[in-house]
Structure formats: C-alpha cells, structure tokens
Protein backbone atom coordinates (compact mmCIF):
# COMPACT_ATOMS: atom_id res chain seq x y z
CA MET A 1 -0.15 0.25 -0.14
CA ASN A 2 1.33 3.49 -0.82
CA THR A 3 2.55 6.32 1.03
CA ILE A 4 -0.83 8.14 -0.41
CA LYS A 5 -3.12 5.53 0.54
CA LEU A 6 -1.92 5.28 3.93
CA TYR A 7 -2.22 9.22 4.56
CA GLN A 8 -5.70 8.84 3.32
CA ILE A 9 -7.23 5.85 5.40
CA ALA A 10 -5.31 8.13 8.45
CA LEU A 11 -6.55 11.18 7.94
CA THR A 12 -10.12 9.33 7.38
CA ILE A 13 -9.74 8.12 10.70
CA LEU A 14 -8.48 10.99 12.07
CA CYS A 15 -11.88 12.98 10.83
CA ASN A 16 -13.89 10.40 12.25
CA THR A 17 -12.22 10.28 15.49
CA ILE A 18 -12.77 14.39 15.78
CA PHE A 19 -16.16 14.73 14.15
CA ILE A 20 -18.33 11.31 14.00
CA THR A 21 -17.29 10.22 17.68
CA PRO A 22 -19.05 13.38 19.51
CA TYR A 23 -21.73 13.31 17.25
CA ALA A 24 -22.08 9.55 17.66
CA SER A 25 -21.91 10.51 21.38
CA ALA A 26 -24.74 12.74 21.26
CA GLN A 27 -27.26 10.48 19.66
CA THR A 28 -25.90 7.45 22.18
CA LYS A 29 -26.95 10.18 24.69
CA GLN A 30 -30.48 10.90 22.97
CA GLU A 31 -30.80 6.79 23.30
CA LYS A 32 -31.81 7.15 26.56
CA PRO A 33 -35.68 7.70 27.53
CA ASN A 34 -36.85 10.61 29.03
CA VAL A 35 -39.07 10.59 31.75
CA LEU A 36 -42.52 12.46 32.64
CA PHE A 37 -43.46 12.18 36.03
CA ILE A 38 -47.31 13.47 36.81
CA LEU A 39 -47.85 13.58 40.21
CA ILE A 40 -51.32 14.13 41.75
CA ASP A 41 -52.39 15.07 45.31
CA ASP A 42 -54.99 13.56 47.41
CA LEU A 43 -56.37 11.50 43.68
CA LYS A 44 -57.94 8.13 44.96
CA PRO A 45 -58.45 6.00 41.16
CA ALA A 46 -61.71 8.11 40.50
CA ILE A 47 -61.09 8.02 37.28
CA ARG A 48 -63.10 6.15 34.31
CA GLY A 49 -60.41 4.29 33.39
CA PHE A 50 -60.20 2.71 36.55
CA GLY A 51 -63.55 1.62 36.87
CA ASP A 52 -65.39 4.58 38.02
CA SER A 53 -68.12 5.35 36.19
CA ALA A 54 -68.97 8.89 37.48
CA ALA A 55 -65.26 10.40 36.69
CA ILE A 56 -65.34 12.34 33.57
CA THR A 57 -61.19 11.84 32.75
CA PRO A 58 -60.76 11.80 28.78
CA ASN A 59 -57.06 12.65 29.17
CA ILE A 60 -56.10 10.45 32.02
CA ASP A 61 -58.67 7.44 30.48
CA ALA A 62 -56.27 7.80 27.13
CA LEU A 63 -52.88 7.77 28.41
CA ILE A 64 -54.45 3.73 30.61
CA ASP A 65 -54.43 3.01 26.50
CA ARG A 66 -51.77 3.60 25.83
CA GLY A 67 -49.73 2.21 28.49
CA VAL A 68 -49.93 -0.58 31.92
CA ARG A 69 -52.47 0.27 34.33
CA PHE A 70 -51.96 -1.52 38.12
CA ASP A 71 -55.24 -1.79 39.85
CA ARG A 72 -54.15 -2.62 42.54
CA ALA A 73 -51.21 -0.06 43.59
CA TYR A 74 -50.87 1.22 47.13
CA SER A 75 -49.11 4.00 49.14
CA ASN A 76 -46.61 2.82 51.69
CA GLN A 77 -48.54 5.49 53.92
CA ALA A 78 -51.67 7.68 53.21
CA VAL A 79 -50.11 11.16 54.02
CA CYS A 80 -48.64 13.43 51.38
CA VAL A 81 -44.78 13.97 52.83
CA ALA A 82 -44.59 10.13 53.36
CA SER A 83 -45.92 8.96 50.74
CA ARG A 84 -43.87 11.35 48.27
CA ASN A 85 -40.75 10.61 50.35
CA SER A 86 -41.13 6.59 49.64
CA LEU A 87 -41.33 7.65 46.18
CA LEU A 88 -38.84 9.76 45.87
CA LEU A 89 -36.39 7.71 48.10
CA GLY A 90 -37.68 4.00 47.46
CA SER A 91 -37.58 3.29 51.00
CA ARG A 92 -40.54 2.27 53.46
CA PRO A 93 -41.23 4.97 56.14
CA THR A 94 -40.42 2.53 58.66
CA SER A 95 -36.74 1.78 57.32
CA THR A 96 -36.39 6.05 57.43
CA GLY A 97 -37.89 6.85 60.52
CA LEU A 98 -40.14 9.78 58.37
CA TYR A 99 -43.68 9.61 58.92
CA ASP A 100 -44.58 13.25 59.21
CA PHE A 101 -44.09 17.14 58.36
CA GLY A 102 -41.53 19.14 59.50
CA ARG A 103 -38.40 16.42 58.84
CA ASP A 104 -36.60 17.43 55.73
CA ILE A 105 -34.80 14.19 53.97
CA ARG A 106 -31.52 15.39 54.19
CA GLN A 107 -31.65 16.60 57.88
CA TYR A 108 -32.00 13.00 58.57
CA TYR A 109 -30.13 11.51 55.40
CA PRO A 110 -27.62 13.94 54.25
CA ASP A 111 -26.08 11.85 51.60
CA VAL A 112 -29.27 10.04 50.23
CA VAL A 113 -29.70 9.97 46.85
CA THR A 114 -33.16 10.54 45.48
CA LEU A 115 -35.02 9.25 42.38
CA PRO A 116 -34.60 12.31 40.44
CA GLU A 117 -31.14 12.78 41.90
CA ALA A 118 -30.02 9.41 40.37
CA PHE A 119 -31.19 10.44 37.06
CA LYS A 120 -29.39 13.68 37.51
CA THR A 121 -25.86 11.93 38.67
CA GLN A 122 -26.41 9.71 35.12
CA GLY A 123 -26.62 12.22 32.57
CA TYR A 124 -30.26 13.71 32.63
CA PHE A 125 -31.61 17.38 32.92
CA THR A 126 -34.09 17.24 35.93
CA GLN A 127 -36.88 19.61 36.74
CA ALA A 128 -39.74 19.92 39.28
CA ILE A 129 -42.90 21.80 38.35
CA GLY A 130 -45.70 22.07 40.94
CA LYS A 131 -45.93 20.00 43.89
CA VAL A 132 -43.23 16.97 43.88
CA PHE A 133 -41.69 17.29 47.44
CA HIS A 134 -44.15 18.04 49.94
CA ILE A 135 -43.40 21.93 50.21
CA GLY A 136 -45.04 23.37 53.69
CA HIS A 137 -45.98 22.23 57.30
CA ASN A 138 -42.32 23.12 57.76
CA THR A 139 -41.27 20.40 54.78
CA TYR A 140 -38.86 21.92 52.04
CA ASN A 141 -38.07 21.20 48.08
CA ASP A 142 -34.78 19.88 47.67
CA PRO A 143 -32.34 21.67 45.52
CA GLN A 144 -29.83 18.89 45.30
CA SER A 145 -32.39 16.71 43.00
CA TRP A 146 -33.02 19.06 40.35
CA SER A 147 -31.06 20.65 37.57
CA ALA A 148 -32.96 23.96 37.10
CA PRO A 149 -34.75 25.74 39.91
CA HIS A 150 -38.02 24.34 41.15
CA PHE A 151 -41.34 25.84 39.45
CA HIS A 152 -43.25 26.22 43.00
CA GLU A 153 -47.13 27.11 43.00
CA LYS A 154 -49.64 27.52 45.42
CA ILE A 155 -51.91 24.35 47.05
CA ILE A 156 -54.27 26.71 48.63
CA GLU A 157 -55.60 29.26 46.85
CA TYR A 158 -58.95 31.50 46.48
CA LEU A 159 -60.82 33.64 43.92
CA THR A 160 -63.86 34.77 46.08
CA MET A 161 -63.03 34.32 49.43
CA ASP A 162 -63.21 37.40 51.68
CA LYS A 163 -60.08 37.19 53.60
CA SER A 164 -60.29 40.89 55.10
CA GLN A 165 -60.17 39.36 58.60
CA SER A 166 -56.75 38.17 58.27
CA GLU A 167 -53.99 37.72 55.65
CA LEU A 168 -54.07 33.93 55.28
CA THR A 169 -56.25 31.03 55.53
CA VAL A 170 -55.14 28.17 58.51
CA GLU A 171 -54.11 26.22 55.12
CA GLU A 172 -52.83 28.68 53.10
CA ALA A 173 -50.11 30.02 56.18
CA LEU A 174 -49.31 26.19 57.07
CA PHE A 175 -48.66 25.50 53.12
CA GLU A 176 -46.35 28.66 53.09
CA ASN A 177 -44.63 26.99 55.99
CA HIS A 178 -45.32 29.53 58.89
CA SER A 179 -45.42 28.21 62.28
CA TRP A 180 -48.80 26.36 63.96
CA GLU A 181 -48.82 28.86 65.99
CA TYR A 182 -49.41 31.62 63.46
CA ALA A 183 -51.20 29.61 61.47
CA LEU A 184 -54.42 28.96 64.08
CA LYS A 185 -54.89 32.74 64.33
CA GLN A 186 -55.61 32.97 61.07
CA ILE A 187 -59.61 32.36 59.43
CA LYS A 188 -60.25 29.09 57.80
CA GLY A 189 -61.26 28.50 54.47
CA ILE A 190 -63.91 27.53 52.31
CA PRO A 191 -64.02 24.29 51.36
CA TRP A 192 -64.64 24.83 47.55
CA GLU A 193 -65.64 27.83 44.94
CA SER A 194 -66.30 27.42 41.09
CA PRO A 195 -65.74 31.03 39.64
CA ASN A 196 -66.15 31.35 36.10
CA VAL A 197 -62.10 32.24 35.14
CA PRO A 198 -59.40 30.45 33.05
CA ASP A 199 -57.72 27.28 33.97
CA GLU A 200 -54.58 29.42 34.62
CA ALA A 201 -56.58 31.44 37.27
CA TYR A 202 -55.26 28.54 39.86
CA GLY A 203 -51.95 27.21 40.12
CA ASP A 204 -52.92 23.97 38.43
CA GLY A 205 -53.47 25.89 35.02
CA ARG A 206 -50.49 27.33 35.78
CA VAL A 207 -48.52 24.52 36.60
CA ALA A 208 -49.81 23.04 32.75
CA ASN A 209 -48.92 26.36 31.16
CA LYS A 210 -45.01 25.87 32.69
CA ALA A 211 -45.11 22.65 31.68
CA VAL A 212 -45.79 22.83 28.15
CA LEU A 213 -42.87 25.96 28.00
CA VAL A 214 -40.47 23.46 29.65
CA LEU A 215 -41.18 20.61 27.39
CA ASP A 216 -41.15 22.54 24.52
CA SER A 217 -37.26 23.75 25.19
CA LEU A 218 -36.20 20.41 26.08
CA GLN A 219 -37.05 19.05 22.40
CA ALA A 220 -33.94 21.02 21.15
CA GLN A 221 -31.57 19.67 23.66
CA ASN A 222 -29.22 16.41 23.10
CA GLN A 223 -29.51 15.26 26.79
CA PRO A 224 -32.53 13.12 28.14
CA PHE A 225 -34.67 14.49 30.75
CA PHE A 226 -36.40 13.22 33.68
CA LEU A 227 -39.29 16.06 34.32
CA ALA A 228 -41.71 16.07 37.51
CA VAL A 229 -45.08 17.48 36.95
CA GLY A 230 -47.31 17.79 40.28
CA PHE A 231 -51.02 19.14 40.68
CA ALA A 232 -52.54 20.29 43.85
CA ARG A 233 -56.21 19.13 42.84
CA PRO A 234 -58.49 17.27 44.08
CA HIS A 235 -56.77 18.21 47.34
CA LEU A 236 -59.02 20.48 49.64
CA PRO A 237 -60.08 23.46 48.81
CA PHE A 238 -61.74 22.36 46.12
CA SER A 239 -61.43 25.21 43.90
CA VAL A 240 -61.75 24.87 40.27
CA PRO A 241 -62.89 26.90 37.32
CA LYS A 242 -66.75 26.88 37.12
CA LYS A 243 -66.73 24.77 33.54
CA TYR A 244 -65.42 21.77 35.58
CA TRP A 245 -67.89 21.72 38.34
CA ASP A 246 -70.78 21.96 35.86
CA LEU A 247 -69.55 18.83 34.33
CA TYR A 248 -71.45 16.96 37.00
CA ASP A 249 -74.85 16.70 38.63
CA ALA A 250 -74.43 16.79 42.69
CA TYR A 251 -77.34 14.30 42.94
CA GLU A 252 -75.88 11.80 40.50
CA LEU A 253 -72.55 11.22 42.71
CA PRO A 254 -72.52 8.64 44.82
CA LEU A 255 -73.02 8.94 48.40
CA PRO A 256 -70.84 6.65 50.58
CA LYS A 257 -72.22 3.32 50.67
CA THR A 258 -71.97 3.18 55.08
CA GLU A 259 -70.83 5.72 57.56
CA LYS A 260 -70.21 3.31 60.26
CA HIS A 261 -66.90 2.85 61.48
CA PRO A 262 -65.50 -0.53 60.95
CA SER A 263 -66.90 -2.77 63.90
CA GLY A 264 -64.71 -4.16 66.55
CA ALA A 265 -61.56 -1.91 65.32
CA PRO A 266 -59.38 -0.13 68.12
CA ASP A 267 -60.56 3.35 68.44
CA PHE A 268 -57.27 5.02 67.65
CA ALA A 269 -57.48 3.45 64.06
CA ILE A 270 -60.03 5.59 63.61
CA LYS A 271 -60.10 8.65 61.41
CA ARG A 272 -61.93 11.38 63.60
CA PHE A 273 -61.72 13.97 60.48
CA GLY A 274 -59.14 16.44 61.35
CA GLU A 275 -57.94 17.98 58.26
CA ILE A 276 -61.90 18.86 56.65
CA GLU A 277 -62.24 20.71 59.89
CA GLN A 278 -59.60 22.84 58.74
CA TYR A 279 -62.32 25.15 56.43
CA GLN A 280 -65.39 26.98 57.21
CA HIS A 281 -68.92 25.33 57.06
CA ILE A 282 -67.85 21.90 58.86
CA PRO A 283 -69.25 20.93 61.29
CA ALA A 284 -66.61 19.75 64.58
CA TYR A 285 -66.65 16.11 65.34
CA GLU A 286 -68.91 14.59 67.43
CA GLU A 287 -69.15 11.04 68.11
CA ASN A 288 -71.72 9.20 65.69
CA ARG A 289 -72.70 12.58 64.36
CA ARG A 290 -72.53 12.68 60.49
CA TYR A 291 -73.02 15.53 57.78
CA PRO A 292 -76.15 16.23 56.53
CA ASP A 293 -76.79 14.86 52.77
CA SER A 294 -76.56 18.28 51.49
CA LEU A 295 -72.78 18.86 53.04
CA LYS A 296 -71.88 15.39 51.64
CA ARG A 297 -72.94 16.39 48.05
CA GLN A 298 -71.30 19.19 47.91
CA LEU A 299 -67.87 18.12 48.90
CA ILE A 300 -68.39 14.76 46.85
CA HIS A 301 -69.07 17.33 43.85
CA GLY A 302 -65.95 19.18 44.71
CA TYR A 303 -63.65 16.08 44.42
CA TYR A 304 -64.80 15.01 40.96
CA ALA A 305 -64.56 18.89 39.57
CA GLY A 306 -60.96 18.56 40.89
CA VAL A 307 -60.26 15.51 39.11
CA SER A 308 -62.03 16.51 35.81
CA TYR A 309 -59.96 19.92 36.41
CA VAL A 310 -56.56 18.64 36.65
CA ASP A 311 -57.34 15.84 33.64
CA ALA A 312 -57.83 18.54 31.66
CA GLN A 313 -54.10 20.19 32.60
CA ILE A 314 -52.62 16.86 32.70
CA GLY A 315 -54.20 16.35 28.71
CA LYS A 316 -52.61 19.70 27.87
CA VAL A 317 -48.89 18.57 28.89
CA LEU A 318 -49.38 15.21 27.27
CA LYS A 319 -50.64 16.93 23.86
CA GLU A 320 -47.36 19.24 24.03
CA LEU A 321 -45.28 15.84 24.72
CA ARG A 322 -46.96 14.51 21.40
CA ARG A 323 -46.42 18.17 19.12
CA THR A 324 -42.98 17.82 20.19
CA GLY A 325 -42.26 14.31 19.34
CA LEU A 326 -40.49 13.39 22.78
CA ASP A 327 -43.74 11.11 23.21
CA LYS A 328 -41.82 8.34 21.14
CA ASN A 329 -38.82 8.10 23.67
CA THR A 330 -40.39 9.01 26.77
CA ILE A 331 -41.66 7.19 29.42
CA VAL A 332 -44.66 8.44 31.15
CA VAL A 333 -45.99 7.78 34.84
CA LEU A 334 -48.98 8.95 36.30
CA TRP A 335 -49.25 8.29 39.81
CA GLY A 336 -51.72 9.55 43.03
CA ASP A 337 -49.67 9.72 46.20
CA HIS A 338 -52.52 8.26 47.96
CA GLY A 339 -56.00 7.25 48.39
CA TYR A 340 -58.81 9.28 49.76
CA LEU A 341 -62.14 8.69 51.68
CA LEU A 342 -64.93 10.42 50.96
CA GLY A 343 -67.43 10.14 53.90
CA ASP A 344 -66.76 6.24 53.36
CA MET A 345 -67.27 4.22 56.96
CA GLY A 346 -67.44 7.90 58.41
CA MET A 347 -63.86 9.15 57.56
CA TRP A 348 -62.76 11.99 55.31
CA THR A 349 -59.70 12.74 53.71
CA LYS A 350 -57.06 9.77 54.59
CA HIS A 351 -54.56 9.29 57.24
CA VAL A 352 -55.83 5.97 58.40
CA ASN A 353 -54.42 2.32 56.85
CA TYR A 354 -58.02 1.37 55.10
CA GLU A 355 -58.03 0.19 51.68
CA LEU A 356 -59.75 3.51 50.07
CA ALA A 357 -56.98 5.58 51.85
CA ASN A 358 -54.08 3.28 50.47
CA ARG A 359 -55.28 2.64 47.18
CA ILE A 360 -53.81 4.89 44.66
CA PRO A 361 -53.65 5.03 40.65
CA LEU A 362 -50.54 3.97 38.56
CA VAL A 363 -50.24 4.00 35.04
CA ILE A 364 -46.51 3.67 33.14
CA SER A 365 -46.77 4.32 29.24
CA TYR A 366 -43.56 3.73 27.11
CA PRO A 367 -44.66 3.58 23.46
CA GLU A 368 -43.53 0.05 21.43
CA LYS A 369 -41.70 -0.76 25.28
CA ILE A 370 -44.34 -2.32 27.41
CA LEU A 371 -47.49 -3.57 27.09
CA SER A 372 -50.13 -1.43 25.89
CA GLY A 373 -53.77 -1.09 27.19
CA HIS A 374 -52.81 -3.68 29.54
CA ALA A 375 -54.22 -4.32 33.43
CA SER A 376 -52.28 -5.28 35.91
CA ARG A 377 -54.10 -7.38 38.81
CA SER A 378 -50.68 -7.84 40.88
CA ILE A 379 -50.07 -6.06 44.14
CA VAL A 380 -47.49 -3.31 43.79
CA GLU A 381 -46.33 -0.40 45.82
CA THR A 382 -45.20 3.35 45.46
CA VAL A 383 -41.80 2.03 46.40
CA ASP A 384 -41.38 0.02 43.35
CA ILE A 385 -41.38 2.86 40.97
CA TYR A 386 -37.94 3.77 41.83
CA PRO A 387 -36.13 0.54 40.77
CA THR A 388 -38.72 0.18 37.86
CA LEU A 389 -37.60 3.59 36.45
CA ILE A 390 -34.02 2.98 36.86
CA GLN A 391 -34.25 -0.33 34.65
CA LEU A 392 -36.36 0.79 32.35
CA SER A 393 -34.13 3.87 31.71
CA GLY A 394 -31.08 1.95 31.40
CA LEU A 395 -29.04 2.99 34.39
CA LYS A 396 -27.60 1.99 37.98
CA LEU A 397 -28.92 1.92 41.63
CA PRO A 398 -27.06 3.99 43.68
CA ALA A 399 -24.46 2.20 45.88
CA ASN A 400 -24.01 2.55 49.07
CA ASN A 401 -27.33 4.69 49.29
CA PRO A 402 -27.97 5.17 53.39
CA VAL A 403 -31.69 4.06 53.03
CA PRO A 404 -32.91 0.35 51.69
CA PHE A 405 -34.27 0.24 48.41
CA ASP A 406 -37.63 -1.52 50.10
CA GLY A 407 -39.18 -1.94 46.32
CA GLU A 408 -39.19 -3.89 43.81
CA SER A 409 -38.74 -3.42 39.74
CA LEU A 410 -42.17 -3.92 38.12
CA VAL A 411 -40.41 -4.17 34.62
CA PRO A 412 -41.59 -7.88 34.44
CA LEU A 413 -45.17 -6.80 35.03
CA LEU A 414 -44.52 -4.05 32.29
CA THR A 415 -43.36 -6.16 29.57
CA ARG A 416 -45.07 -9.61 30.31
CA LYS A 417 -48.75 -10.73 31.10
CA GLU A 418 -47.88 -12.16 34.42
CA HIS A 419 -50.32 -12.84 37.23
CA THR A 420 -48.31 -12.38 40.27
CA ILE A 421 -50.35 -11.36 43.04
CA ASP A 422 -47.97 -10.36 45.94
CA TYR A 423 -48.37 -7.68 48.46
CA ALA A 424 -48.04 -4.45 49.75
CA TYR A 425 -46.92 -3.06 52.97
CA HIS A 426 -47.38 0.24 54.49
CA CYS A 427 -48.10 1.73 58.22
CA TYR A 428 -49.47 4.70 60.07
CA PRO A 429 -48.98 5.85 63.52
CA ARG A 430 -51.43 7.09 65.47
CA ASP A 431 -51.89 8.39 69.07
CA GLY A 432 -48.63 6.76 70.26
CA TRP A 433 -49.50 3.54 68.45
CA MET A 434 -47.79 2.22 64.91
CA GLY A 435 -49.97 0.20 62.52
CA ARG A 436 -48.03 -1.68 60.31
CA ALA A 437 -50.26 -3.32 57.85
CA ILE A 438 -49.97 -5.86 54.98
CA ARG A 439 -52.28 -6.11 51.78
CA THR A 440 -52.75 -9.64 50.32
CA ASP A 441 -55.28 -11.39 47.68
CA ASN A 442 -57.66 -11.13 50.03
CA TYR A 443 -56.72 -10.32 53.54
CA ARG A 444 -55.12 -6.51 55.03
CA LEU A 445 -53.94 -7.16 58.61
CA VAL A 446 -52.62 -4.14 60.93
CA GLU A 447 -50.43 -5.06 63.96
CA TRP A 448 -50.70 -1.77 66.46
CA THR A 449 -47.71 -1.71 68.76
CA ASN A 450 -47.21 1.29 71.38
CA LEU A 451 -44.18 2.85 70.67
CA LYS A 452 -44.30 4.06 74.26
CA ASN A 453 -44.53 1.08 75.88
CA LYS A 454 -42.87 -1.80 74.35
CA ASN A 455 -44.86 -4.23 77.33
CA LEU A 456 -48.20 -3.72 76.17
CA ASP A 457 -49.90 -6.19 73.81
CA PRO A 458 -50.42 -5.90 70.14
CA GLN A 459 -53.46 -4.99 68.37
CA TYR A 460 -54.95 -6.00 65.69
CA GLU A 461 -57.23 -5.35 62.78
CA PHE A 462 -58.23 -8.10 60.07
CA TYR A 463 -60.15 -7.63 56.97
CA ASN A 464 -61.39 -10.16 54.23
CA TYR A 465 -62.46 -7.74 51.18
CA GLY A 466 -65.63 -7.88 49.08
CA PRO A 467 -66.09 -5.86 45.77
CA ASP A 468 -66.92 -2.71 47.60
CA LEU A 469 -63.17 -2.61 49.27
CA LEU A 470 -65.10 -1.56 52.62
CA GLU A 471 -64.03 -2.64 56.11
CA TYR A 472 -67.02 -3.16 57.80
CA LYS A 473 -65.65 -5.75 60.57
CA ASN A 474 -62.84 -6.74 62.34
CA GLN A 475 -62.43 -10.16 62.43
CA THR A 476 -59.44 -10.78 64.13
CA ASP A 477 -58.95 -14.23 65.50
CA MET A 478 -56.21 -15.66 66.81
CA ASN A 479 -56.90 -19.31 65.90
CA ASN A 480 -57.93 -18.45 62.54
CA LYS A 481 -55.29 -19.76 59.79
CA ASP A 482 -55.56 -17.07 57.47
CA PHE A 483 -55.18 -14.89 59.99
CA GLN A 484 -51.91 -16.40 61.20
CA GLU A 485 -50.53 -17.01 57.78
CA THR A 486 -51.15 -13.07 56.86
CA LEU A 487 -49.54 -12.53 60.33
CA ASP A 488 -46.55 -14.53 59.77
CA LEU A 489 -46.12 -12.99 56.01
CA LEU A 490 -46.17 -9.45 57.45
CA LYS A 491 -43.26 -10.20 60.53
CA GLN A 492 -41.17 -11.13 56.90
CA GLN A 493 -40.98 -7.58 55.93
CA PRO A 494 -37.44 -6.20 56.54
CA ALA A 495 -38.84 -3.10 57.43
CA TYR A 496 -41.32 -4.94 60.33
CA ARG A 497 -38.27 -6.37 62.37
CA GLU A 498 -36.90 -2.83 63.75
CA PRO A 499 -39.38 0.17 62.76
CA LEU A 500 -37.74 2.99 63.41
CA ALA A 501 -39.61 5.83 65.71
CA PRO A 502 -38.83 9.47 63.81
CA SER A 503 -36.47 10.30 66.50
CA GLN A 504 -34.40 7.15 65.60
CA ALA A 505 -33.64 8.46 61.97
CA LYS A 506 -30.11 9.17 61.64
C-alpha cells in the first residue's frame, strides 16, 4: 500500500475521531429514554379508566390506553409527605423513620440519592414543576435533586373568598411554612369555590402552562430529561373553574355506601375528621354525628370537579409531549400519592390504614417498549417505582445509599402479562401507636404496637374484602389460619422487624 493511500486512511480515521465520535456520543445520549412523571395530590382511582363510571377523565383514560394500568397499587403511608418520601427515596417510612411533616430528608440522610438525583448524576437534566416534594408544614424542597430551579405553585388558593379578617387562611399559612402558632390565628378557608375563570387562574393551570413551555425547550436538547410535574387538585379546597364544576350533577354522584366505623376496630385506628375541619361550614367532630346529605354532596361534587380539572391540565401536557415528538422516547408515569375517603365508613380525607385511603392510581406508558392497554392485577407499592424507572432507563441504582431500597422493579409486569399477586406493606402512626399493615390478595392485617410502652400487647385488625373494598368488621381471631398466615407474612418484612421511630432517624 503506497504512502498516499496510508495517509488517506489515517486522515479518514482522524476525521471520524474528531467529528463522528461526538455526534455518535450525542446520539447515544438521545437513546436514553426521557421520563415525564405526573404526580397528583389526594387522587384515589376516581378515574373512568380505573372503573369509576362517575368520573370524567378523558385524558388520563387515553394515557391508560397507551400503557399499563395497575389496578392494585398502594401508597406506603396515607399522607402526602411520607408517601412522597417513599416515592423519592424508594424506601418505606418504617425504614427511614420519616412519617410526618417538619422532617426534611437531608436533615436525617444528607447523603441519600433521591430518584431524580439518581437520574441527574447519570447524565439527565432534571426539573420539578408544581408539587413534587411536599413543601409546607415546615417541610421544604430538595434543590440537590434538580438541574434547574423548582417552579413552585400554590396548593391553597382562593379567588372569591373574603380574607379581610386575616392575611391568610389556616391552610394557606401552613403551606407557606408559617408556624402552627401563626396559622391557627388565621381564619378558616372555604372548602370549595367555582368561579367562571380560565384554567390558569389557579395554580394547576399555571403548572400545566409551565410544563408545556419546558417541554418545548427540551425538544432541542441532546440531553435526556426527567421532568416531574405535580398537580394540587383534588386536594382541598375544591377550588376549580366553573366549567369543571358544571360537568357534574351532585345528585348523580355516589354517596358513601356506609358511614359506620369498622366494627371491633381499635378506637385509635379510626379517623376523627381532622384536616377537613380546617375549613368553614364543616361541623366539629362529634361521636356518631354524620354530615347532612347536602354537605356531603357538595364535598363529593367538589372532589370530582377537581379530578376533571386536573385531568384537563394533564391533557395539555401530554398534547405538548406528542406535538414535540418527545412522546416516542418518553416514559410517562401517572401516580396519585395516596387514596381518599369521601365519607366512607364515616371518615374523610386520608391518614388511616384502610383500603380506600391507601389504594392509588398508577399508570406507566412507554411506547413500543412495554405493554399497551394492559391492566395488571398484581399488588404493587409506591416504593417499586424507583427501581422500575432505573431499570427501564438502563441506569444503575445508587450504591451505598444510606436507606434501603424496599421496592422491586415492575418491569416484568410491564413487559409480560404475568399474574403475580404478591402483597403491599404500609403503615400509619396514630396516637402513640404504630400500625403496620400488609395487604394480600384477599386480606389486610394491621398490627398496632405502642411506641412508648413495648410491654403492651399488640392490637390487631384483620379484614376480608368484598367488591366494595370497605372494612365492615374486624375479624381478628388468633385461631384463624388465614390470620396467622397473614401475620407471619407481615413479620417477614425487613421494615417490620426494626421500625424506626422519628427520633431514631439518622
């Protein structure tokens, strides 16, 4: 081979090294899937695509048609902050000791790698819009998780309420991180309003608009992204534009099937109103007292109006994802942080270990990579989402994380029509007792242990479920084979053996 030919070959190799390699590297980066994570506050599966015929949710329904719907997904604790910590850490509250407000993750685990941070450290652009981490009640955002500043929006917002008597309402003050002492000096807010205003008059509309702008800017980037978009409704107050309120007739919405507390349940296991009493026109709790039907109908109406309002905002974001072409290589996750009680068994909102407070909507869509239009009956938990997204994206779980990864990847359930049932583990601390619960195919068992006096015998709840998913009678029987087998399964959980109290968090 002559000298000129060798020179040409060498020049070609050099050019490929200089020019082609960076381009190939950029293309390799692009091959990593994007993640669009949609978080919704206080959303139970009140979605038509989940079987709720009263709900008007065309945009979420369309997403369900393009992905896998998990009909038996559960939160790890039925309260916003702990549930979101479980999602973002992949670790159950009994593993971290983080059950309540006022306990920022970094205060206890400064070196923990959150879900978005795991993507960020492996080459992703990460951004949060709206409610992702719980901000409020002396809890704050985690800037370390994000590549860009967090776009914060209001959770509590009024357009028609007269607030001349105080600067803020009780709940507004708490969500703006004022002290409880200050907040309790403020007036109560109204539980609902429905003025004739555009969507962006409330925070969720502005969150959707911001997400659309960010997606538009991301289409030109070579870097994959993890974009978390969090919506507030249907969290109280049910403040929504009139057109969503008008979608429903309050008299056609279902009232609670029963308002009786579960028979034989420990007294401290029952929710005694609480959160909902922070709003005007809500009577203070009295034993055996129930709201009049007119009030129940207004509250239920407001909840469903909030669901349809947030569905429309999600539709705007998904439409932009398609318009930009980003949908072809984007994993979309829709997740509700916990369930919700609308007067069921005489209880409202969440904060209990019962089924309807813990069952959540979960949808995962990834075009051409996973099943489409499939409904999984397997029991899954919030903590399963972290390892699932890591595996789907071809990334690695962080090594030497200071908290355990309690979940398992759901990729097998996303790619094959498996019929594994498995179980979910969750908890709730109430009145000095820790309720650790396990949900199997047919049963839920809750073991209540006293956090201050370990010598007190545990108290138990045991329920066998019918199609309405309500708890009617505690069927605890130490001689019952099903009870003992479920208790044994509960005690096998790593988070069961040494549940951390908040004071034990590192």
